[in-house]
């Protein structure tokens, strides 16, 4: 039987997954519409943060990886995602021809 902390963790990871998928989908659609490199980077960044959160929790709950290792994996993805998000703020807009 799962404890209250495990149920809360699973609930929060589910919310993270849902919101992350929605945000990633919306930014991907925006990229497809605008072809803006910043939107593509934003999509990848949000995707990495979401994947890290889900992967970290899954490695611990489903595979039995120790908490310290699963959190390390999660933080690697989160750091990479935030790096990509920061990059997206500095990406040039596509050039338009008239």
Protein backbone atom coordinates (compact mmCIF):
# COMPACT_ATOMS: atom_id res chain seq x y z
CA UNK A 1 0.00 0.00 0.00
CA UNK A 2 1.25 3.45 -0.88
CA UNK A 3 1.84 6.02 1.84
CA UNK A 4 0.45 9.54 1.78
CA UNK A 5 3.79 10.96 0.59
CA UNK A 6 3.95 8.53 -2.33
CA UNK A 7 0.37 9.34 -3.36
CA UNK A 8 1.13 13.07 -3.20
CA UNK A 9 4.32 12.59 -5.23
CA UNK A 10 2.52 10.57 -7.89
CA UNK A 11 -0.26 13.17 -8.01
CA UNK A 12 2.18 16.05 -8.47
CA UNK A 13 4.15 14.15 -11.14
CA UNK A 14 0.86 13.52 -12.96
CA UNK A 15 0.04 17.24 -12.88
CA UNK A 16 3.58 18.01 -14.08
CA UNK A 17 3.21 15.53 -16.95
CA UNK A 18 -0.17 16.92 -17.99
CA UNK A 19 0.93 20.57 -17.90
CA UNK A 20 4.26 19.78 -19.56
CA UNK A 21 2.61 17.91 -22.42
CA UNK A 22 0.09 20.72 -22.94
CA UNK A 23 2.82 23.41 -22.93
CA UNK A 24 5.11 21.38 -25.19
CA UNK A 25 2.27 20.77 -27.64
CA UNK A 26 1.28 24.43 -27.71
CA UNK A 27 4.84 25.63 -28.26
CA UNK A 28 5.35 23.01 -30.99
CA UNK A 29 2.22 24.25 -32.76
CA UNK A 30 3.46 27.83 -32.43
CA UNK A 31 6.80 26.80 -33.90
CA UNK A 32 5.10 25.08 -36.84
CA UNK A 33 3.01 28.20 -37.47
CA UNK A 34 5.82 30.76 -37.14
CA UNK A 35 8.98 28.73 -37.91
CA UNK A 36 10.65 30.83 -35.20
CA UNK A 37 13.83 29.20 -33.85
CA UNK A 38 13.01 30.61 -30.40
CA UNK A 39 9.74 28.67 -30.33
CA UNK A 40 11.52 25.47 -31.34
CA UNK A 41 14.03 25.94 -28.52
CA UNK A 42 11.21 26.77 -26.10
CA UNK A 43 9.46 23.55 -27.08
CA UNK A 44 12.60 21.48 -26.48
CA UNK A 45 13.31 23.23 -23.18
CA UNK A 46 9.84 22.59 -21.77
CA UNK A 47 10.02 19.03 -23.06
CA UNK A 48 13.33 18.40 -21.29
CA UNK A 49 12.07 19.79 -17.97
CA UNK A 50 8.92 17.67 -18.22
CA UNK A 51 10.80 14.55 -19.25
CA UNK A 52 13.24 14.98 -16.38
CA UNK A 53 10.48 15.28 -13.81
CA UNK A 54 8.69 12.19 -15.08
CA UNK A 55 11.86 10.17 -15.62
CA UNK A 56 13.21 10.92 -12.15
CA UNK A 57 10.01 9.81 -10.46
CA UNK A 58 9.61 6.77 -12.68
CA UNK A 59 13.14 5.55 -12.13
CA UNK A 60 12.58 5.59 -8.40
CA UNK A 61 9.00 4.26 -8.27
CA UNK A 62 9.06 1.73 -11.11
CA UNK A 63 12.68 0.63 -11.46
CA UNK A 64 13.67 0.94 -7.82
CA UNK A 65 16.60 3.27 -8.42
CA UNK A 66 17.80 4.94 -5.21
CA UNK A 67 16.36 8.39 -4.60
CA UNK A 68 19.71 10.17 -4.87
CA UNK A 69 20.39 8.70 -8.31
CA UNK A 70 16.88 9.28 -9.66
CA UNK A 71 16.96 12.89 -8.44
CA UNK A 72 20.35 13.34 -10.12
CA UNK A 73 18.89 12.15 -13.43
CA UNK A 74 15.92 14.48 -12.93
CA UNK A 75 18.20 17.44 -12.21
CA UNK A 76 20.35 16.75 -15.28
CA UNK A 77 17.28 16.99 -17.49
CA UNK A 78 15.97 20.01 -15.60
CA UNK A 79 19.30 21.84 -15.92
CA UNK A 80 19.49 21.03 -19.64
CA UNK A 81 15.89 22.17 -20.09
CA UNK A 82 16.51 25.47 -18.34
CA UNK A 83 19.67 25.99 -20.39
CA UNK A 84 17.62 25.48 -23.57
CA UNK A 85 14.89 27.80 -22.25
CA UNK A 86 17.50 30.49 -21.59
CA UNK A 87 18.92 29.93 -25.08
CA UNK A 88 15.43 30.41 -26.54
CA UNK A 89 15.35 33.95 -25.13
CA UNK A 90 18.46 34.87 -27.10
CA UNK A 91 17.64 33.09 -30.37
CA UNK A 92 17.24 35.35 -33.38
CA UNK A 93 13.88 35.70 -35.02
CA UNK A 94 13.55 34.25 -38.52
CA UNK A 95 14.38 36.64 -41.32
CA UNK A 96 11.48 37.73 -43.48
CA UNK A 97 11.84 38.57 -47.12
CA UNK A 98 9.64 41.10 -48.83
